[in-house]
């Protein structure tokens, strides 16, 4: 009986795995940040761990997880995005400009990320997003980004 339960659990876990065509890596020039992210929409708010790798031009890889479970994973290259994870279920791949409504803040994040590596206290793209940054010694500690439709992302990075 125990072996049947273990087999059933194993099949359940493996059935949840998704495969998506992987986009090529960012390379050694990418900046890696590890921290926490609070993602909030009208209907939910969740805090989890993030690994963010980005290039100065806006391309990024982001992994957002809770207790080791990948909730969202994104890769953007130029005008294209690939998204997977529990929140996306079947995944999505396409042009940033045509991202589904639930992914639009994540698509616009590629416009915000270049400001992570500057010394400006805030930035905005009117009608699309606004961001405030907290730095210490030139290192980004916190970034708060607001998007239309009452969604937001609050990034917190260790020193």
N, C-alpha and C. Protein backbone atom coordinates (compact mmCIF):
# COMPACT_ATOMS: atom_id res chain seq x y z
N UNK A 1 0.82 -1.19 0.00
CA UNK A 1 0.00 0.00 0.00
C UNK A 1 0.87 1.25 0.00
N UNK A 2 1.93 1.26 0.81
CA UNK A 2 2.82 2.42 0.89
C UNK A 2 3.50 2.68 -0.44
N UNK A 3 3.90 1.60 -1.13
CA UNK A 3 4.57 1.79 -2.42
C UNK A 3 3.61 2.38 -3.45
N UNK A 4 2.33 2.03 -3.40
CA UNK A 4 1.35 2.60 -4.32
C UNK A 4 1.19 4.10 -4.10
N UNK A 5 1.19 4.49 -2.83
CA UNK A 5 1.07 5.92 -2.50
C UNK A 5 2.30 6.67 -3.00
N UNK A 6 3.48 6.10 -2.79
CA UNK A 6 4.71 6.75 -3.27
C UNK A 6 4.73 6.87 -4.79
N UNK A 7 4.29 5.83 -5.47
CA UNK A 7 4.24 5.87 -6.94
C UNK A 7 3.24 6.93 -7.39
N UNK A 8 2.07 6.97 -6.76
CA UNK A 8 1.06 7.97 -7.13
C UNK A 8 1.57 9.39 -6.90
N UNK A 9 2.23 9.60 -5.76
CA UNK A 9 2.79 10.93 -5.48
C UNK A 9 3.86 11.29 -6.49
N UNK A 10 4.71 10.35 -6.84
CA UNK A 10 5.77 10.60 -7.83
C UNK A 10 5.18 10.97 -9.18
N UNK A 11 4.15 10.24 -9.60
CA UNK A 11 3.50 10.54 -10.87
C UNK A 11 2.85 11.91 -10.85
N UNK A 12 2.24 12.28 -9.72
CA UNK A 12 1.61 13.58 -9.58
C UNK A 12 2.64 14.70 -9.72
N UNK A 13 3.77 14.54 -9.04
CA UNK A 13 4.83 15.55 -9.11
C UNK A 13 5.38 15.66 -10.51
N UNK A 14 5.65 14.53 -11.15
CA UNK A 14 6.20 14.56 -12.51
C UNK A 14 5.20 15.11 -13.52
N UNK A 15 3.92 14.87 -13.31
CA UNK A 15 2.90 15.38 -14.22
C UNK A 15 2.84 16.89 -14.19
N UNK A 16 3.22 17.49 -13.07
CA UNK A 16 3.20 18.94 -12.93
C UNK A 16 4.36 19.64 -13.60
N UNK A 17 5.36 18.88 -14.04
CA UNK A 17 6.52 19.49 -14.68
C UNK A 17 6.14 20.01 -16.05
N UNK A 18 6.69 21.17 -16.40
CA UNK A 18 6.42 21.77 -17.70
C UNK A 18 7.72 21.91 -18.46
N UNK A 19 7.62 21.86 -19.76
CA UNK A 19 8.81 22.12 -20.56
C UNK A 19 8.49 23.26 -21.52
N UNK A 20 9.43 24.15 -21.66
CA UNK A 20 9.30 25.30 -22.54
C UNK A 20 10.60 25.43 -23.29
N UNK A 21 10.52 25.88 -24.50
CA UNK A 21 11.74 26.11 -25.26
C UNK A 21 12.57 27.18 -24.54
N UNK A 22 13.76 26.81 -24.11
CA UNK A 22 14.59 27.73 -23.35
C UNK A 22 15.26 28.74 -24.27
N UNK A 23 15.28 29.98 -23.81
CA UNK A 23 15.96 31.05 -24.53
C UNK A 23 17.41 31.03 -24.08
N UNK A 24 18.32 31.37 -24.96
CA UNK A 24 19.74 31.32 -24.62
C UNK A 24 20.05 32.17 -23.40
N UNK A 25 21.09 31.78 -22.66
CA UNK A 25 21.49 32.47 -21.44
C UNK A 25 21.97 33.89 -21.70
N UNK A 26 22.03 34.66 -20.63
CA UNK A 26 22.42 36.07 -20.73
C UNK A 26 23.94 36.26 -20.85
N UNK A 27 24.70 35.30 -20.40
CA UNK A 27 26.14 35.43 -20.47
C UNK A 27 26.75 36.01 -19.21
N UNK A 28 28.08 36.08 -19.17
CA UNK A 28 28.78 36.50 -17.95
C UNK A 28 28.63 37.99 -17.63
N UNK A 29 28.23 38.81 -18.58
CA UNK A 29 28.08 40.25 -18.31
C UNK A 29 26.79 40.60 -17.57
N UNK A 30 25.92 39.62 -17.39
CA UNK A 30 24.65 39.86 -16.68
C UNK A 30 24.90 40.10 -15.20
N UNK A 31 24.12 40.98 -14.63
CA UNK A 31 24.18 41.30 -13.20
C UNK A 31 23.20 40.39 -12.48
N UNK A 32 23.63 39.73 -11.42
CA UNK A 32 22.77 38.84 -10.65
C UNK A 32 22.44 39.47 -9.31
N UNK A 33 21.16 39.47 -8.99
CA UNK A 33 20.69 39.96 -7.69
C UNK A 33 19.80 38.88 -7.08
N UNK A 34 19.97 38.67 -5.78
CA UNK A 34 19.17 37.69 -5.05
C UNK A 34 18.48 38.43 -3.92
N UNK A 35 17.20 38.18 -3.75
CA UNK A 35 16.47 38.89 -2.70
C UNK A 35 15.06 38.41 -2.54
N UNK A 36 14.21 39.34 -2.12
CA UNK A 36 12.79 39.08 -1.89
C UNK A 36 11.97 39.97 -2.81
N UNK A 37 10.80 39.50 -3.16
CA UNK A 37 9.87 40.28 -3.97
C UNK A 37 8.47 40.14 -3.39
N UNK A 38 7.82 41.27 -3.24
CA UNK A 38 6.40 41.28 -2.89
C UNK A 38 5.66 41.72 -4.15
N UNK A 39 4.86 40.81 -4.70
CA UNK A 39 4.08 41.09 -5.90
C UNK A 39 2.62 41.20 -5.48
N UNK A 40 2.00 42.33 -5.79
CA UNK A 40 0.61 42.56 -5.37
C UNK A 40 -0.24 42.98 -6.57
N UNK A 41 -1.44 42.44 -6.63
CA UNK A 41 -2.45 42.84 -7.61
C UNK A 41 -3.71 43.17 -6.82
N UNK A 42 -4.78 43.49 -7.54
CA UNK A 42 -6.06 43.76 -6.86
C UNK A 42 -6.53 42.56 -6.05
N UNK A 43 -6.26 41.36 -6.54
CA UNK A 43 -6.83 40.17 -5.92
C UNK A 43 -5.86 39.36 -5.06
N UNK A 44 -4.55 39.62 -5.15
CA UNK A 44 -3.63 38.83 -4.34
C UNK A 44 -2.34 39.57 -4.07
N UNK A 45 -1.67 39.09 -3.04
CA UNK A 45 -0.35 39.61 -2.69
C UNK A 45 0.48 38.43 -2.23
N UNK A 46 1.68 38.32 -2.75
CA UNK A 46 2.54 37.20 -2.37
C UNK A 46 3.97 37.67 -2.24
N UNK A 47 4.65 37.14 -1.24
CA UNK A 47 6.06 37.45 -1.01
C UNK A 47 6.84 36.18 -1.25
N UNK A 48 7.94 36.30 -1.98
CA UNK A 48 8.76 35.13 -2.25
C UNK A 48 10.19 35.52 -2.54
N UNK A 49 10.98 34.52 -2.81
CA UNK A 49 12.40 34.71 -3.14
C UNK A 49 12.55 34.94 -4.63
N UNK A 50 13.51 35.79 -4.98
CA UNK A 50 13.79 36.02 -6.41
C UNK A 50 15.27 35.89 -6.69
N UNK A 51 15.53 35.44 -7.89
CA UNK A 51 16.86 35.52 -8.48
C UNK A 51 16.65 36.29 -9.77
N UNK A 52 17.32 37.41 -9.89
CA UNK A 52 17.17 38.29 -11.05
C UNK A 52 18.52 38.44 -11.72
N UNK A 53 18.58 38.09 -12.98
CA UNK A 53 19.79 38.31 -13.79
C UNK A 53 19.37 39.24 -14.92
N UNK A 54 20.08 40.38 -15.05
CA UNK A 54 19.69 41.30 -16.11
C UNK A 54 20.90 41.96 -16.77
N UNK A 55 20.67 42.37 -17.99
CA UNK A 55 21.64 43.15 -18.75
C UNK A 55 21.21 44.61 -18.71
N UNK A 56 22.13 45.51 -18.94
CA UNK A 56 21.83 46.94 -18.85
C UNK A 56 20.75 47.38 -19.84
N UNK A 57 20.58 46.66 -20.93
CA UNK A 57 19.58 47.02 -21.93
C UNK A 57 18.16 46.60 -21.60
N UNK A 58 17.97 45.81 -20.54
CA UNK A 58 16.62 45.41 -20.15
C UNK A 58 16.32 43.93 -20.26
N UNK A 59 17.13 43.16 -21.01
CA UNK A 59 16.90 41.72 -21.06
C UNK A 59 17.08 41.15 -19.66
N UNK A 60 16.23 40.20 -19.29
CA UNK A 60 16.35 39.63 -17.95
C UNK A 60 15.84 38.20 -17.86
N UNK A 61 16.35 37.51 -16.84
CA UNK A 61 15.84 36.22 -16.39
C UNK A 61 15.43 36.45 -14.94
N UNK A 62 14.23 36.03 -14.59
CA UNK A 62 13.76 36.21 -13.22
C UNK A 62 13.09 34.93 -12.76
N UNK A 63 13.48 34.47 -11.59
CA UNK A 63 12.86 33.31 -10.97
C UNK A 63 12.24 33.77 -9.66
N UNK A 64 10.93 33.58 -9.51
CA UNK A 64 10.17 33.98 -8.33
C UNK A 64 9.60 32.72 -7.71
N UNK A 65 10.01 32.41 -6.48
CA UNK A 65 9.59 31.15 -5.85
C UNK A 65 9.14 31.38 -4.41
N UNK A 66 8.40 30.44 -3.91
CA UNK A 66 7.93 30.47 -2.52
C UNK A 66 8.21 29.09 -1.95
N UNK A 67 9.01 29.03 -0.89
CA UNK A 67 9.38 27.77 -0.25
C UNK A 67 9.97 26.78 -1.25
N UNK A 68 10.74 27.30 -2.20
CA UNK A 68 11.40 26.45 -3.19
C UNK A 68 10.55 26.05 -4.38
N UNK A 69 9.28 26.43 -4.38
CA UNK A 69 8.38 26.10 -5.48
C UNK A 69 8.36 27.26 -6.47
N UNK A 70 8.73 27.03 -7.74
CA UNK A 70 8.74 28.13 -8.72
C UNK A 70 7.34 28.60 -9.05
N UNK A 71 7.04 29.85 -8.67
CA UNK A 71 5.74 30.44 -8.97
C UNK A 71 5.73 31.04 -10.37
N UNK A 72 6.79 31.79 -10.68
CA UNK A 72 6.91 32.43 -11.99
C UNK A 72 8.38 32.42 -12.40
N UNK A 73 8.61 32.17 -13.66
CA UNK A 73 9.95 32.29 -14.23
C UNK A 73 9.81 33.00 -15.57
N UNK A 74 10.63 34.02 -15.75
CA UNK A 74 10.57 34.83 -16.96
C UNK A 74 11.93 34.92 -17.62
N UNK A 75 11.90 34.99 -18.93
CA UNK A 75 13.08 35.30 -19.71
C UNK A 75 12.63 36.29 -20.78
N UNK A 76 13.32 37.42 -20.87
CA UNK A 76 13.04 38.36 -21.96
C UNK A 76 14.31 38.56 -22.76
N UNK A 77 14.13 38.62 -24.05
CA UNK A 77 15.22 38.91 -24.98
C UNK A 77 14.65 39.86 -26.04
N UNK A 78 15.14 41.08 -26.01
CA UNK A 78 14.62 42.07 -26.94
C UNK A 78 13.14 42.27 -26.69
N UNK A 79 12.33 42.03 -27.70
CA UNK A 79 10.89 42.25 -27.58
C UNK A 79 10.11 40.97 -27.27
N UNK A 80 10.82 39.88 -26.95
CA UNK A 80 10.16 38.60 -26.68
C UNK A 80 10.27 38.19 -25.23
N UNK A 81 9.24 37.50 -24.76
CA UNK A 81 9.21 37.00 -23.38
C UNK A 81 8.73 35.55 -23.38
N UNK A 82 9.30 34.77 -22.47
CA UNK A 82 8.83 33.42 -22.18
C UNK A 82 8.52 33.37 -20.69
N UNK A 83 7.36 32.85 -20.33
CA UNK A 83 6.94 32.79 -18.92
C UNK A 83 6.43 31.39 -18.60
N UNK A 84 6.85 30.88 -17.43
CA UNK A 84 6.38 29.59 -16.94
C UNK A 84 6.16 29.69 -15.44
N UNK A 85 5.62 28.64 -14.86
CA UNK A 85 5.43 28.58 -13.41
C UNK A 85 3.99 28.30 -13.03
N UNK A 86 3.77 28.11 -11.75
CA UNK A 86 2.42 27.77 -11.25
C UNK A 86 1.38 28.84 -11.59
N UNK A 87 1.76 30.12 -11.55
CA UNK A 87 0.80 31.19 -11.83
C UNK A 87 0.44 31.26 -13.31
N UNK A 88 1.24 30.65 -14.17
CA UNK A 88 1.00 30.74 -15.62
C UNK A 88 0.40 29.43 -16.16
N UNK A 89 0.47 28.37 -15.40
CA UNK A 89 -0.02 27.03 -15.73
C UNK A 89 0.52 26.49 -17.04
N UNK A 90 0.00 26.93 -18.18
CA UNK A 90 0.44 26.37 -19.46
C UNK A 90 1.63 27.12 -20.04
N UNK A 91 2.06 28.19 -19.39
CA UNK A 91 3.18 28.97 -19.91
C UNK A 91 2.72 29.92 -21.00
N UNK A 92 3.59 30.83 -21.35
CA UNK A 92 3.29 31.78 -22.41
C UNK A 92 4.59 32.23 -23.04
N UNK A 93 4.58 32.44 -24.34
CA UNK A 93 5.74 32.94 -25.06
C UNK A 93 5.23 33.83 -26.18
N UNK A 94 5.85 35.00 -26.32
CA UNK A 94 5.44 35.90 -27.38
C UNK A 94 6.06 37.27 -27.24
N UNK A 95 5.51 38.21 -27.99
CA UNK A 95 5.99 39.59 -27.98
C UNK A 95 5.56 40.30 -26.70
N UNK A 96 6.48 41.07 -26.10
CA UNK A 96 6.17 41.81 -24.88
C UNK A 96 4.92 42.68 -25.06
N UNK A 97 4.80 43.30 -26.21
CA UNK A 97 3.67 44.20 -26.48
C UNK A 97 2.33 43.47 -26.50
N UNK A 98 2.36 42.15 -26.66
CA UNK A 98 1.12 41.36 -26.73
C UNK A 98 0.96 40.44 -25.53
N UNK A 99 1.63 40.73 -24.44
CA UNK A 99 1.53 39.90 -23.24
C UNK A 99 0.10 39.91 -22.71
N UNK A 100 -0.36 38.78 -22.19
CA UNK A 100 -1.69 38.76 -21.57
C UNK A 100 -1.74 39.75 -20.41
N UNK A 101 -2.93 40.19 -20.08
CA UNK A 101 -3.11 41.20 -19.03
C UNK A 101 -2.36 40.84 -17.73
N UNK A 102 -2.42 39.58 -17.32
CA UNK A 102 -1.78 39.18 -16.06
C UNK A 102 -0.25 39.28 -16.13
N UNK A 103 0.32 39.29 -17.33
CA UNK A 103 1.78 39.37 -17.49
C UNK A 103 2.28 40.75 -17.86
N UNK A 104 1.39 41.70 -18.10
CA UNK A 104 1.83 43.03 -18.53
C UNK A 104 2.80 43.70 -17.57
N UNK A 105 2.57 43.66 -16.25
CA UNK A 105 3.58 44.28 -15.37
C UNK A 105 4.95 43.63 -15.54
N UNK A 106 4.98 42.32 -15.70
CA UNK A 106 6.26 41.62 -15.87
C UNK A 106 6.90 42.00 -17.20
N UNK A 107 6.09 42.22 -18.22
CA UNK A 107 6.61 42.64 -19.52
C UNK A 107 7.18 44.06 -19.43
N UNK A 108 6.51 44.94 -18.69
CA UNK A 108 7.00 46.32 -18.53
C UNK A 108 8.25 46.39 -17.65
N UNK A 109 8.50 45.35 -16.88
CA UNK A 109 9.67 45.34 -16.01
C UNK A 109 10.96 45.51 -16.82
N UNK A 110 10.98 45.07 -18.05
CA UNK A 110 12.18 45.24 -18.88
C UNK A 110 12.50 46.71 -19.12
N UNK A 111 11.50 47.60 -19.00
CA UNK A 111 11.72 49.04 -19.13
C UNK A 111 12.28 49.63 -17.83
N UNK A 112 11.96 49.00 -16.70
CA UNK A 112 12.37 49.50 -15.38
C UNK A 112 13.78 49.04 -15.02
N UNK A 113 14.12 47.83 -15.37
CA UNK A 113 15.40 47.24 -14.95
C UNK A 113 16.64 48.06 -15.28
N UNK A 114 16.73 48.75 -16.42
CA UNK A 114 17.93 49.57 -16.64
C UNK A 114 18.17 50.61 -15.55
N UNK A 115 17.12 51.05 -14.88
CA UNK A 115 17.26 52.03 -13.80
C UNK A 115 17.82 51.41 -12.51
N UNK A 116 17.79 50.08 -12.42
CA UNK A 116 18.36 49.41 -11.26
C UNK A 116 19.86 49.71 -11.16
N UNK A 117 20.51 49.95 -12.29
CA UNK A 117 21.96 50.14 -12.33
C UNK A 117 22.37 51.59 -12.47
N UNK A 118 21.47 52.53 -12.20
CA UNK A 118 21.80 53.96 -12.23
C UNK A 118 21.72 54.50 -10.81
N UNK A 119 21.98 55.77 -10.64
CA UNK A 119 21.88 56.38 -9.31
C UNK A 119 20.67 57.29 -9.16
N UNK A 120 19.68 57.15 -10.03
CA UNK A 120 18.49 57.99 -9.92
C UNK A 120 17.62 57.50 -8.77
N UNK A 121 16.98 58.43 -8.02
CA UNK A 121 16.11 58.02 -6.91
C UNK A 121 14.74 57.53 -7.38
N UNK A 122 14.35 57.93 -8.59
CA UNK A 122 13.05 57.50 -9.11
C UNK A 122 13.05 57.60 -10.63
N UNK A 123 12.08 56.94 -11.24
CA UNK A 123 11.93 56.97 -12.70
C UNK A 123 10.48 56.64 -13.02
N UNK A 124 10.05 57.01 -14.22
CA UNK A 124 8.69 56.68 -14.63
C UNK A 124 8.55 56.69 -16.13
N UNK A 125 7.54 55.99 -16.59
CA UNK A 125 7.08 56.05 -17.96
C UNK A 125 5.59 56.33 -17.82
N UNK A 126 5.22 57.59 -17.97
CA UNK A 126 3.85 58.06 -17.67
C UNK A 126 2.78 57.13 -18.22
N UNK A 127 1.88 56.75 -17.34
CA UNK A 127 0.77 55.89 -17.73
C UNK A 127 1.12 54.41 -17.77
N UNK A 128 2.41 54.08 -17.64
CA UNK A 128 2.82 52.67 -17.69
C UNK A 128 3.38 52.17 -16.36
N UNK A 129 4.29 52.92 -15.77
CA UNK A 129 4.89 52.52 -14.50
C UNK A 129 5.60 53.69 -13.85
N UNK A 130 5.80 53.59 -12.55
CA UNK A 130 6.63 54.54 -11.81
C UNK A 130 7.42 53.73 -10.78
N UNK A 131 8.64 54.17 -10.51
CA UNK A 131 9.51 53.41 -9.62
C UNK A 131 10.30 54.34 -8.70
N UNK A 132 10.54 53.86 -7.48
CA UNK A 132 11.39 54.55 -6.52
C UNK A 132 12.48 53.57 -6.10
N UNK A 133 13.70 54.10 -5.92
CA UNK A 133 14.84 53.26 -5.61
C UNK A 133 15.52 53.72 -4.33
N UNK A 134 15.97 52.77 -3.55
CA UNK A 134 16.76 53.06 -2.35
C UNK A 134 18.12 52.39 -2.53
N UNK A 135 19.17 53.20 -2.36
CA UNK A 135 20.52 52.69 -2.54
C UNK A 135 21.38 53.03 -1.34
N UNK A 136 22.44 52.26 -1.17
CA UNK A 136 23.43 52.55 -0.14
C UNK A 136 24.79 52.30 -0.78
N UNK A 137 25.61 53.35 -0.82
CA UNK A 137 26.92 53.22 -1.43
C UNK A 137 26.85 52.80 -2.89
N UNK A 138 25.83 53.25 -3.59
CA UNK A 138 25.68 52.92 -5.00
C UNK A 138 25.04 51.56 -5.25
N UNK A 139 24.81 50.77 -4.21
CA UNK A 139 24.21 49.44 -4.36
C UNK A 139 22.70 49.53 -4.14
N UNK A 140 21.95 48.93 -5.04
CA UNK A 140 20.49 48.92 -4.93
C UNK A 140 20.05 48.02 -3.79
N UNK A 141 19.31 48.60 -2.83
CA UNK A 141 18.77 47.83 -1.72
C UNK A 141 17.29 47.51 -1.90
N UNK A 142 16.56 48.49 -2.49
CA UNK A 142 15.12 48.35 -2.62
C UNK A 142 14.64 49.06 -3.89
N UNK A 143 13.64 48.48 -4.51
CA UNK A 143 12.98 49.11 -5.65
C UNK A 143 11.48 48.85 -5.52
N UNK A 144 10.70 49.94 -5.55
CA UNK A 144 9.24 49.84 -5.49
C UNK A 144 8.69 50.32 -6.82
N UNK A 145 7.97 49.42 -7.50
CA UNK A 145 7.46 49.71 -8.84
C UNK A 145 5.94 49.59 -8.82
N UNK A 146 5.27 50.64 -9.31
CA UNK A 146 3.82 50.68 -9.41
C UNK A 146 3.41 50.61 -10.88
N UNK A 147 2.38 49.82 -11.15
CA UNK A 147 1.86 49.68 -12.51
C UNK A 147 0.38 50.06 -12.51
N UNK A 148 -0.19 50.37 -13.68
CA UNK A 148 -1.63 50.66 -13.74
C UNK A 148 -2.43 49.45 -13.28
N UNK A 149 -3.63 49.69 -12.82
CA UNK A 149 -4.49 48.59 -12.39
C UNK A 149 -4.17 48.10 -10.99
N UNK A 150 -3.54 48.92 -10.20
CA UNK A 150 -3.21 48.61 -8.80
C UNK A 150 -2.37 47.34 -8.64
N UNK A 151 -1.38 47.17 -9.50
CA UNK A 151 -0.42 46.09 -9.29
C UNK A 151 0.93 46.73 -8.98
N UNK A 152 1.71 46.02 -8.18
CA UNK A 152 3.01 46.56 -7.77
C UNK A 152 4.00 45.45 -7.49
N UNK A 153 5.27 45.82 -7.52
CA UNK A 153 6.37 44.93 -7.17
C UNK A 153 7.29 45.68 -6.23
N UNK A 154 7.61 45.06 -5.11
CA UNK A 154 8.55 45.65 -4.16
C UNK A 154 9.74 44.69 -4.04
N UNK A 155 10.86 45.09 -4.60
CA UNK A 155 12.08 44.30 -4.57
C UNK A 155 12.91 44.69 -3.36
N UNK A 156 13.51 43.72 -2.70
CA UNK A 156 14.40 43.97 -1.59
C UNK A 156 15.63 43.09 -1.77
N UNK A 157 16.81 43.73 -1.83
CA UNK A 157 18.05 43.00 -2.05
C UNK A 157 18.98 43.18 -0.86
N UNK A 158 19.71 42.14 -0.51
CA UNK A 158 20.69 42.23 0.56
C UNK A 158 21.90 43.02 0.11
N UNK A 159 22.72 43.40 1.07
CA UNK A 159 23.92 44.18 0.75
C UNK A 159 24.95 43.32 0.19
